[in-house]
Amino acid sequence: MTEKVKTPSSKTVFLLLLIVFVGGIIAYVYLYMTTTITKRLVIAELQKTNQINQEISAFSNIPGFDKLQLVKNLEEADYQMPRSDYIEAVLEIFDTILNVDTTESSNIVLSDFKISLEEISLHGYVSNLRLLYNSPDPGNKTALIDKFEQLDFLENISIRTYERAGDRLGYEFVLTAKVVNNANTK
């Protein structure tokens, strides 16, 4: 008896080839579309980036932008002094100010010190305004403001306000100054 071997019919082979061909076309279209969409998204992002870069370069042409950049760089490069060094520097300023010679006239009293590495402020009392501003002897710097001007770590020394000391016969004043040279009092 002879057995018949079944061979695929040409119709079945054609259908399988058609399915593979259509599947290939679908895969090709899918890959083409995804790469095209990805390219368009990348191009759109590049255009946005170029626009932002143009805006940034427009800012750099504005007058004063370079100064703003310098300030920004200085702020970033600014370092913080360790707290112990800061306290020592402030105490050194305080000691130096306390050592300002007010013994020539017992009518000068200093109080209410506010000291930082940027600025000092203090309240005081004098019996006569000449003790603040004028030295009796021009060669001898005995006025209080002259004594503070001799301290090389202070600048812009000024007596902002002074007024009659109510029940006493003198004047109360507020002296302010800027600290320079990184508060180097030595």
N, C-alpha and C. Protein backbone atom coordinates (compact mmCIF):
# COMPACT_ATOMS: atom_id res chain seq x y z
N MET A 1 0.81 -1.12 0.00
CA MET A 1 0.00 0.00 0.00
C MET A 1 0.88 1.21 0.00
N THR A 2 0.42 1.96 -0.75
CA THR A 2 1.21 3.15 -0.90
C THR A 2 0.63 4.27 -0.04
N GLU A 3 1.55 4.89 0.60
CA GLU A 3 1.10 6.02 1.43
C GLU A 3 1.28 7.30 0.64
N LYS A 4 0.35 8.14 0.86
CA LYS A 4 0.41 9.42 0.19
C LYS A 4 1.05 10.42 1.14
N VAL A 5 2.02 11.07 0.66
CA VAL A 5 2.66 12.11 1.47
C VAL A 5 1.98 13.41 1.09
N LYS A 6 1.56 14.06 2.11
CA LYS A 6 0.88 15.32 1.85
C LYS A 6 1.91 16.41 1.67
N THR A 7 1.79 17.10 0.66
CA THR A 7 2.66 18.23 0.41
C THR A 7 1.80 19.48 0.53
N PRO A 8 2.47 20.50 1.02
CA PRO A 8 1.66 21.70 1.15
C PRO A 8 1.21 22.16 -0.23
N SER A 9 0.05 22.57 -0.22
CA SER A 9 -0.48 23.05 -1.48
C SER A 9 0.09 24.41 -1.80
N SER A 10 0.04 24.73 -2.99
CA SER A 10 0.57 26.03 -3.41
C SER A 10 -0.22 27.17 -2.79
N LYS A 11 -1.46 26.90 -2.51
CA LYS A 11 -2.28 27.92 -1.87
C LYS A 11 -1.78 28.21 -0.46
N THR A 12 -1.43 27.23 0.28
CA THR A 12 -0.94 27.38 1.65
C THR A 12 0.40 28.09 1.65
N VAL A 13 1.25 27.69 0.74
CA VAL A 13 2.56 28.33 0.64
C VAL A 13 2.38 29.80 0.28
N PHE A 14 1.51 30.08 -0.63
CA PHE A 14 1.25 31.46 -1.03
C PHE A 14 0.73 32.27 0.15
N LEU A 15 -0.18 31.70 0.93
CA LEU A 15 -0.72 32.41 2.10
C LEU A 15 0.37 32.69 3.14
N LEU A 16 1.22 31.71 3.37
CA LEU A 16 2.31 31.93 4.33
C LEU A 16 3.27 33.02 3.84
N LEU A 17 3.61 32.97 2.58
CA LEU A 17 4.49 34.01 2.02
C LEU A 17 3.81 35.38 2.07
N LEU A 18 2.54 35.42 1.83
CA LEU A 18 1.80 36.69 1.89
C LEU A 18 1.78 37.22 3.32
N ILE A 19 1.60 36.37 4.30
CA ILE A 19 1.58 36.79 5.70
C ILE A 19 2.97 37.32 6.10
N VAL A 20 4.02 36.64 5.69
CA VAL A 20 5.37 37.09 6.00
C VAL A 20 5.64 38.43 5.30
N PHE A 21 5.23 38.55 4.06
CA PHE A 21 5.45 39.80 3.31
C PHE A 21 4.69 40.96 3.95
N VAL A 22 3.43 40.75 4.29
CA VAL A 22 2.62 41.81 4.91
C VAL A 22 3.19 42.14 6.29
N GLY A 23 3.62 41.14 7.04
CA GLY A 23 4.24 41.39 8.34
C GLY A 23 5.52 42.20 8.20
N GLY A 24 6.30 41.91 7.17
CA GLY A 24 7.52 42.68 6.91
C GLY A 24 7.22 44.13 6.56
N ILE A 25 6.19 44.32 5.73
CA ILE A 25 5.79 45.69 5.35
C ILE A 25 5.30 46.44 6.59
N ILE A 26 4.51 45.80 7.42
CA ILE A 26 4.01 46.44 8.65
C ILE A 26 5.17 46.80 9.59
N ALA A 27 6.13 45.90 9.73
CA ALA A 27 7.30 46.18 10.57
C ALA A 27 8.10 47.33 9.99
N TYR A 28 8.29 47.35 8.67
CA TYR A 28 9.03 48.43 8.01
C TYR A 28 8.32 49.77 8.23
N VAL A 29 7.00 49.81 8.03
CA VAL A 29 6.24 51.05 8.23
C VAL A 29 6.32 51.48 9.69
N TYR A 30 6.20 50.55 10.62
CA TYR A 30 6.29 50.88 12.04
C TYR A 30 7.65 51.49 12.38
N LEU A 31 8.73 50.86 11.94
CA LEU A 31 10.08 51.37 12.21
C LEU A 31 10.30 52.72 11.53
N TYR A 32 9.81 52.87 10.31
CA TYR A 32 9.96 54.14 9.59
C TYR A 32 9.24 55.26 10.33
N MET A 33 8.02 54.98 10.77
CA MET A 33 7.24 56.00 11.47
C MET A 33 7.88 56.38 12.81
N THR A 34 8.34 55.40 13.56
CA THR A 34 8.95 55.73 14.87
C THR A 34 10.23 56.52 14.69
N THR A 35 11.07 56.18 13.72
CA THR A 35 12.30 56.95 13.50
C THR A 35 11.98 58.35 12.99
N THR A 36 10.96 58.47 12.13
CA THR A 36 10.57 59.80 11.63
C THR A 36 10.05 60.67 12.77
N ILE A 37 9.21 60.12 13.61
CA ILE A 37 8.67 60.88 14.75
C ILE A 37 9.79 61.25 15.71
N THR A 38 10.71 60.34 15.97
CA THR A 38 11.84 60.62 16.87
C THR A 38 12.71 61.74 16.29
N LYS A 39 12.97 61.68 14.97
CA LYS A 39 13.77 62.73 14.34
C LYS A 39 13.09 64.09 14.47
N ARG A 40 11.77 64.11 14.26
CA ARG A 40 11.03 65.38 14.36
C ARG A 40 11.09 65.92 15.79
N LEU A 41 10.95 65.04 16.78
CA LEU A 41 11.03 65.48 18.17
C LEU A 41 12.42 66.02 18.50
N VAL A 42 13.46 65.36 18.01
CA VAL A 42 14.83 65.82 18.24
C VAL A 42 15.05 67.17 17.58
N ILE A 43 14.56 67.34 16.36
CA ILE A 43 14.71 68.62 15.65
C ILE A 43 13.98 69.72 16.40
N ALA A 44 12.77 69.43 16.90
CA ALA A 44 12.01 70.43 17.65
C ALA A 44 12.77 70.83 18.93
N GLU A 45 13.35 69.86 19.63
CA GLU A 45 14.11 70.18 20.84
C GLU A 45 15.36 70.99 20.51
N LEU A 46 16.03 70.66 19.42
CA LEU A 46 17.20 71.44 19.00
C LEU A 46 16.82 72.87 18.67
N GLN A 47 15.68 73.06 18.03
CA GLN A 47 15.22 74.42 17.72
C GLN A 47 14.93 75.20 19.00
N LYS A 48 14.31 74.54 19.98
CA LYS A 48 14.04 75.20 21.27
C LYS A 48 15.36 75.57 21.95
N THR A 49 16.31 74.65 21.92
CA THR A 49 17.61 74.90 22.53
C THR A 49 18.32 76.05 21.84
N ASN A 50 18.27 76.09 20.52
CA ASN A 50 18.88 77.20 19.78
C ASN A 50 18.22 78.52 20.12
N GLN A 51 16.89 78.51 20.25
CA GLN A 51 16.17 79.73 20.61
C GLN A 51 16.58 80.20 22.01
N ILE A 52 16.69 79.29 22.95
CA ILE A 52 17.11 79.64 24.31
C ILE A 52 18.54 80.18 24.29
N ASN A 53 19.42 79.56 23.51
CA ASN A 53 20.80 80.04 23.41
C ASN A 53 20.85 81.44 22.81
N GLN A 54 19.98 81.73 21.83
CA GLN A 54 19.93 83.07 21.25
C GLN A 54 19.45 84.09 22.27
N GLU A 55 18.47 83.71 23.10
CA GLU A 55 18.00 84.61 24.15
C GLU A 55 19.09 84.87 25.17
N ILE A 56 19.85 83.84 25.51
CA ILE A 56 20.94 84.01 26.46
C ILE A 56 22.01 84.92 25.88
N SER A 57 22.33 84.73 24.61
CA SER A 57 23.35 85.61 23.99
C SER A 57 22.82 87.04 23.88
N ALA A 58 21.50 87.21 23.72
CA ALA A 58 20.93 88.56 23.71
C ALA A 58 21.08 89.21 25.08
N PHE A 59 20.94 88.43 26.16
CA PHE A 59 21.14 88.97 27.50
C PHE A 59 22.57 89.42 27.69
N SER A 60 23.50 88.68 27.13
CA SER A 60 24.91 89.03 27.32
C SER A 60 25.26 90.34 26.63
N ASN A 61 24.44 90.79 25.69
CA ASN A 61 24.68 92.07 25.02
C ASN A 61 24.08 93.26 25.77
N ILE A 62 23.30 93.01 26.79
CA ILE A 62 22.69 94.09 27.57
C ILE A 62 23.78 94.78 28.39
N PRO A 63 23.79 96.12 28.42
CA PRO A 63 24.80 96.82 29.23
C PRO A 63 24.67 96.42 30.71
N GLY A 64 25.79 96.15 31.32
CA GLY A 64 25.82 95.79 32.73
C GLY A 64 25.77 94.29 32.97
N PHE A 65 25.55 93.50 31.92
CA PHE A 65 25.49 92.05 32.10
C PHE A 65 26.83 91.50 32.60
N ASP A 66 27.93 92.06 32.05
CA ASP A 66 29.24 91.58 32.49
C ASP A 66 29.48 91.88 33.97
N LYS A 67 28.98 93.02 34.44
CA LYS A 67 29.11 93.33 35.86
C LYS A 67 28.27 92.38 36.70
N LEU A 68 27.09 92.04 36.21
CA LEU A 68 26.24 91.09 36.90
C LEU A 68 26.94 89.74 36.99
N GLN A 69 27.58 89.31 35.92
CA GLN A 69 28.31 88.05 35.93
C GLN A 69 29.47 88.10 36.93
N LEU A 70 30.18 89.24 36.98
CA LEU A 70 31.28 89.37 37.94
C LEU A 70 30.77 89.26 39.37
N VAL A 71 29.65 89.92 39.63
CA VAL A 71 29.08 89.85 40.98
C VAL A 71 28.67 88.42 41.29
N LYS A 72 28.06 87.75 40.33
CA LYS A 72 27.66 86.35 40.53
C LYS A 72 28.88 85.49 40.82
N ASN A 73 29.96 85.69 40.06
CA ASN A 73 31.18 84.92 40.28
C ASN A 73 31.78 85.21 41.65
N LEU A 74 31.74 86.48 42.06
CA LEU A 74 32.26 86.83 43.39
C LEU A 74 31.43 86.18 44.49
N GLU A 75 30.10 86.19 44.31
CA GLU A 75 29.25 85.57 45.32
C GLU A 75 29.51 84.08 45.42
N GLU A 76 29.75 83.44 44.28
CA GLU A 76 30.02 82.01 44.31
C GLU A 76 31.39 81.72 44.91
N ALA A 77 32.35 82.64 44.69
CA ALA A 77 33.70 82.42 45.20
C ALA A 77 33.85 82.88 46.65
N ASP A 78 32.84 83.57 47.18
CA ASP A 78 32.90 84.07 48.55
C ASP A 78 33.00 82.89 49.50
N TYR A 79 33.88 83.01 50.43
CA TYR A 79 34.05 81.93 51.40
C TYR A 79 33.58 82.41 52.76
N GLN A 80 33.19 81.49 53.55
CA GLN A 80 32.74 81.81 54.90
C GLN A 80 33.90 81.62 55.87
N MET A 81 34.10 82.62 56.69
CA MET A 81 35.14 82.54 57.72
C MET A 81 34.66 81.58 58.81
N PRO A 82 35.53 80.73 59.30
CA PRO A 82 35.13 79.86 60.41
C PRO A 82 34.64 80.70 61.59
N ARG A 83 33.65 80.21 62.28
CA ARG A 83 33.02 80.96 63.36
C ARG A 83 34.02 81.37 64.43
N SER A 84 34.97 80.50 64.74
CA SER A 84 35.94 80.85 65.78
C SER A 84 36.82 82.02 65.34
N ASP A 85 37.23 82.03 64.05
CA ASP A 85 38.04 83.15 63.54
C ASP A 85 37.21 84.43 63.53
N TYR A 86 35.94 84.31 63.18
CA TYR A 86 35.06 85.48 63.13
C TYR A 86 34.95 86.09 64.53
N ILE A 87 34.69 85.24 65.51
CA ILE A 87 34.54 85.74 66.89
C ILE A 87 35.84 86.38 67.36
N GLU A 88 36.98 85.75 67.07
CA GLU A 88 38.27 86.33 67.47
C GLU A 88 38.49 87.69 66.81
N ALA A 89 38.15 87.82 65.53
CA ALA A 89 38.33 89.10 64.83
C ALA A 89 37.44 90.17 65.43
N VAL A 90 36.19 89.83 65.73
CA VAL A 90 35.26 90.80 66.32
C VAL A 90 35.74 91.22 67.71
N LEU A 91 36.21 90.26 68.51
CA LEU A 91 36.72 90.60 69.84
C LEU A 91 37.98 91.46 69.74
N GLU A 92 38.81 91.21 68.75
CA GLU A 92 40.01 92.03 68.56
C GLU A 92 39.63 93.46 68.21
N ILE A 93 38.63 93.62 67.35
CA ILE A 93 38.13 94.97 67.03
C ILE A 93 37.60 95.63 68.30
N PHE A 94 36.82 94.89 69.06
CA PHE A 94 36.24 95.43 70.29
C PHE A 94 37.33 95.87 71.26
N ASP A 95 38.35 95.04 71.45
CA ASP A 95 39.45 95.40 72.36
C ASP A 95 40.17 96.66 71.87
N THR A 96 40.40 96.74 70.56
CA THR A 96 41.09 97.91 70.01
C THR A 96 40.27 99.17 70.23
N ILE A 97 38.96 99.07 70.03
CA ILE A 97 38.10 100.24 70.22
C ILE A 97 38.04 100.62 71.69
N LEU A 98 38.01 99.62 72.57
CA LEU A 98 38.01 99.93 74.00
C LEU A 98 39.30 100.61 74.42
N ASN A 99 40.38 100.34 73.72
CA ASN A 99 41.67 100.94 74.06
C ASN A 99 41.87 102.33 73.48
N VAL A 100 40.86 102.84 72.75
CA VAL A 100 40.96 104.22 72.29
C VAL A 100 41.06 105.11 73.52
N ASP A 101 42.09 105.92 73.55
CA ASP A 101 42.42 106.68 74.75
C ASP A 101 41.41 107.80 74.97
N THR A 102 40.57 107.62 75.98
CA THR A 102 39.63 108.68 76.37
C THR A 102 39.98 109.21 77.76
N THR A 103 41.19 108.91 78.23
CA THR A 103 41.56 109.32 79.57
C THR A 103 41.92 110.79 79.66
N GLU A 104 42.28 111.41 78.51
CA GLU A 104 42.63 112.84 78.56
C GLU A 104 41.44 113.68 78.98
N SER A 105 40.29 113.19 78.66
CA SER A 105 39.08 113.90 79.07
C SER A 105 38.15 112.87 79.68
N SER A 106 37.82 113.05 80.92
CA SER A 106 36.95 112.10 81.59
C SER A 106 35.49 112.35 81.21
N ASN A 107 35.29 113.23 80.26
CA ASN A 107 33.94 113.57 79.86
C ASN A 107 33.47 112.80 78.62
N ILE A 108 34.22 111.76 78.23
CA ILE A 108 33.82 110.91 77.10
C ILE A 108 33.51 109.52 77.64
N VAL A 109 32.31 109.03 77.33
CA VAL A 109 31.90 107.70 77.75
C VAL A 109 31.38 106.97 76.51
N LEU A 110 31.91 105.77 76.25
CA LEU A 110 31.47 104.96 75.11
C LEU A 110 30.67 103.77 75.62
N SER A 111 29.59 103.42 74.91
CA SER A 111 28.75 102.30 75.34
C SER A 111 28.00 101.73 74.13
N ASP A 112 27.22 100.68 74.38
CA ASP A 112 26.33 100.06 73.39
C ASP A 112 27.06 99.76 72.07
N PHE A 113 28.08 98.95 72.15
CA PHE A 113 28.86 98.59 70.96
C PHE A 113 28.12 97.56 70.12
N LYS A 114 28.08 97.78 68.81
CA LYS A 114 27.59 96.79 67.85
C LYS A 114 28.72 96.60 66.84
N ILE A 115 29.32 95.42 66.85
CA ILE A 115 30.51 95.19 66.04
C ILE A 115 30.33 93.95 65.19
N SER A 116 30.65 94.10 63.90
CA SER A 116 30.72 92.96 62.99
C SER A 116 31.95 93.17 62.11
N LEU A 117 32.21 92.25 61.21
CA LEU A 117 33.36 92.41 60.33
C LEU A 117 33.09 93.38 59.19
N GLU A 118 31.87 93.89 59.10
CA GLU A 118 31.53 94.86 58.07
C GLU A 118 31.38 96.27 58.63
N GLU A 119 30.87 96.39 59.85
CA GLU A 119 30.51 97.71 60.37
C GLU A 119 30.57 97.71 61.89
N ILE A 120 30.85 98.90 62.43
CA ILE A 120 30.74 99.08 63.88
C ILE A 120 29.79 100.24 64.14
N SER A 121 29.22 100.21 65.31
CA SER A 121 28.35 101.29 65.75
C SER A 121 28.47 101.35 67.26
N LEU A 122 28.50 102.55 67.79
CA LEU A 122 28.54 102.67 69.24
C LEU A 122 27.85 103.96 69.65
N HIS A 123 27.32 103.93 70.85
CA HIS A 123 26.71 105.11 71.45
C HIS A 123 27.74 105.71 72.39
N GLY A 124 27.62 106.99 72.61
CA GLY A 124 28.54 107.62 73.52
C GLY A 124 27.95 108.89 74.13
N TYR A 125 28.71 109.42 75.05
CA TYR A 125 28.33 110.66 75.74
C TYR A 125 29.56 111.54 75.84
N VAL A 126 29.42 112.83 75.52
CA VAL A 126 30.49 113.81 75.72
C VAL A 126 29.91 115.02 76.41
N SER A 127 30.75 115.67 77.19
CA SER A 127 30.29 116.87 77.89
C SER A 127 30.29 118.07 76.97
N ASN A 128 31.08 118.01 75.89
CA ASN A 128 31.22 119.15 74.99
C ASN A 128 31.42 118.60 73.57
N LEU A 129 30.77 119.19 72.59
CA LEU A 129 30.90 118.70 71.21
C LEU A 129 32.33 118.87 70.67
N ARG A 130 33.11 119.77 71.23
CA ARG A 130 34.49 119.92 70.78
C ARG A 130 35.31 118.66 71.04
N LEU A 131 34.93 117.90 72.05
CA LEU A 131 35.62 116.65 72.33
C LEU A 131 35.41 115.63 71.20
N LEU A 132 34.33 115.79 70.46
CA LEU A 132 34.08 114.90 69.33
C LEU A 132 34.87 115.31 68.09
N TYR A 133 34.89 116.61 67.77
CA TYR A 133 35.37 117.07 66.47
C TYR A 133 36.68 117.85 66.50
N ASN A 134 36.83 118.74 67.43
CA ASN A 134 37.99 119.65 67.41
C ASN A 134 38.99 119.31 68.49
N SER A 135 40.25 119.25 68.08
CA SER A 135 41.32 119.11 69.07
C SER A 135 41.74 120.50 69.50
N PRO A 136 41.94 120.74 70.81
CA PRO A 136 42.38 122.06 71.25
C PRO A 136 43.74 122.41 70.64
N ASP A 137 44.62 121.43 70.50
CA ASP A 137 45.93 121.64 69.91
C ASP A 137 45.93 120.96 68.54
N PRO A 138 46.08 121.73 67.43
CA PRO A 138 45.99 121.13 66.10
C PRO A 138 47.03 120.03 65.87
N GLY A 139 48.19 120.10 66.48
CA GLY A 139 49.21 119.07 66.32
C GLY A 139 48.91 117.82 67.10
N ASN A 140 48.09 117.93 68.11
CA ASN A 140 47.77 116.79 68.96
C ASN A 140 46.35 116.32 68.62
N LYS A 141 46.22 115.10 68.16
CA LYS A 141 44.92 114.56 67.76
C LYS A 141 44.22 113.99 68.99
N THR A 142 43.45 114.85 69.66
CA THR A 142 42.78 114.39 70.88
C THR A 142 41.28 114.29 70.71
N ALA A 143 40.71 114.78 69.59
CA ALA A 143 39.27 114.65 69.38
C ALA A 143 38.94 113.18 69.15
N LEU A 144 37.77 112.77 69.60
CA LEU A 144 37.40 111.37 69.52
C LEU A 144 37.38 110.87 68.07
N ILE A 145 36.87 111.66 67.16
CA ILE A 145 36.82 111.22 65.77
C ILE A 145 38.23 111.06 65.20
N ASP A 146 39.17 111.90 65.63
CA ASP A 146 40.57 111.76 65.19
C ASP A 146 41.17 110.45 65.71
N LYS A 147 40.84 110.09 66.92
CA LYS A 147 41.37 108.85 67.49
C LYS A 147 40.85 107.63 66.73
N PHE A 148 39.60 107.69 66.32
CA PHE A 148 39.05 106.57 65.54
C PHE A 148 39.64 106.54 64.13
N GLU A 149 39.93 107.71 63.56
CA GLU A 149 40.53 107.75 62.22
C GLU A 149 41.95 107.20 62.22
N GLN A 150 42.60 107.16 63.36
CA GLN A 150 43.94 106.59 63.45
C GLN A 150 43.91 105.06 63.39
N LEU A 151 42.75 104.46 63.58
CA LEU A 151 42.63 103.00 63.49
C LEU A 151 42.54 102.64 62.00
N ASP A 152 43.55 101.93 61.49
CA ASP A 152 43.64 101.70 60.06
C ASP A 152 42.65 100.67 59.53
N PHE A 153 41.89 100.02 60.38
CA PHE A 153 40.90 99.06 59.90
C PHE A 153 39.50 99.66 59.81
N LEU A 154 39.38 100.98 60.03
CA LEU A 154 38.09 101.65 59.94
C LEU A 154 38.13 102.71 58.84
N GLU A 155 36.99 102.88 58.17
CA GLU A 155 36.84 103.96 57.19
C GLU A 155 35.41 104.46 57.25
N ASN A 156 35.16 105.57 56.60
CA ASN A 156 33.84 106.20 56.60
C ASN A 156 33.31 106.39 58.01
N ILE A 157 34.17 106.92 58.86
CA ILE A 157 33.80 107.16 60.26
C ILE A 157 32.92 108.40 60.29
N SER A 158 31.77 108.25 60.91
CA SER A 158 30.89 109.41 61.00
C SER A 158 30.09 109.36 62.29
N ILE A 159 29.72 110.53 62.71
CA ILE A 159 28.83 110.64 63.86
C ILE A 159 27.48 111.03 63.27
N ARG A 160 26.61 110.04 63.19
CA ARG A 160 25.35 110.22 62.48
C ARG A 160 24.41 111.16 63.22
N THR A 161 24.29 110.95 64.51
CA THR A 161 23.36 111.78 65.27
C THR A 161 23.98 112.16 66.60
N TYR A 162 23.61 113.30 67.06
CA TYR A 162 23.91 113.68 68.43
C TYR A 162 22.79 114.59 68.90
N GLU A 163 22.53 114.53 70.19
CA GLU A 163 21.47 115.36 70.76
C GLU A 163 21.75 115.61 72.23
N ARG A 164 21.12 116.59 72.74
CA ARG A 164 21.27 116.93 74.16
C ARG A 164 20.91 115.73 75.02
N ALA A 165 21.67 115.50 76.05
CA ALA A 165 21.51 114.33 76.90
C ALA A 165 20.50 114.57 78.01
N GLY A 166 19.34 114.99 77.68
CA GLY A 166 18.24 115.13 78.62
C GLY A 166 18.60 115.82 79.91
N ASP A 167 18.72 115.08 81.01
CA ASP A 167 18.96 115.65 82.33
C ASP A 167 20.43 115.95 82.59
N ARG A 168 21.35 115.49 81.76
CA ARG A 168 22.77 115.78 81.96
C ARG A 168 23.17 116.98 81.10
N LEU A 169 24.35 117.49 81.32
CA LEU A 169 24.81 118.68 80.61
C LEU A 169 25.67 118.34 79.39
N GLY A 170 25.49 117.24 78.76
CA GLY A 170 26.32 116.86 77.64
C GLY A 170 25.48 116.44 76.45
N TYR A 171 26.15 115.72 75.54
CA TYR A 171 25.50 115.29 74.31
C TYR A 171 25.68 113.78 74.15
N GLU A 172 24.62 113.14 73.72
CA GLU A 172 24.70 111.73 73.36
C GLU A 172 24.88 111.65 71.85
N PHE A 173 25.65 110.69 71.39
CA PHE A 173 25.92 110.58 69.95
C PHE A 173 25.96 109.11 69.55
N VAL A 174 25.88 108.89 68.24
CA VAL A 174 26.03 107.55 67.65
C VAL A 174 27.13 107.65 66.62
N LEU A 175 28.18 106.86 66.80
CA LEU A 175 29.30 106.83 65.88
C LEU A 175 29.22 105.53 65.07
N THR A 176 29.38 105.65 63.74
CA THR A 176 29.38 104.47 62.88
C THR A 176 30.62 104.50 62.00
N ALA A 177 31.06 103.32 61.58
CA ALA A 177 32.22 103.21 60.69
C ALA A 177 32.16 101.87 59.97
N LYS A 178 32.79 101.84 58.79
CA LYS A 178 32.92 100.60 58.03
C LYS A 178 34.24 99.95 58.38
N VAL A 179 34.23 98.62 58.51
CA VAL A 179 35.45 97.86 58.80
C VAL A 179 36.06 97.44 57.46
N VAL A 180 37.37 97.67 57.31
CA VAL A 180 38.09 97.32 56.07
C VAL A 180 39.24 96.38 56.37
N ASN A 181 39.94 95.97 55.35
CA ASN A 181 41.12 95.10 55.47
C ASN A 181 40.79 93.79 56.14
N ASN A 182 39.58 93.28 55.89
CA ASN A 182 39.15 92.00 56.48
C ASN A 182 39.31 92.02 58.00
N ALA A 183 39.07 93.16 58.58
CA ALA A 183 39.12 93.32 60.04
C ALA A 183 40.49 92.99 60.60
N ASN A 184 41.53 93.23 59.83
CA ASN A 184 42.88 92.96 60.30
C ASN A 184 43.31 94.13 61.17
N THR A 185 43.30 93.94 62.47
CA THR A 185 43.62 95.03 63.40
C THR A 185 45.07 95.01 63.82
N LYS A 186 45.82 94.05 63.35
CA LYS A 186 47.22 93.98 63.78
C LYS A 186 48.11 94.75 62.83
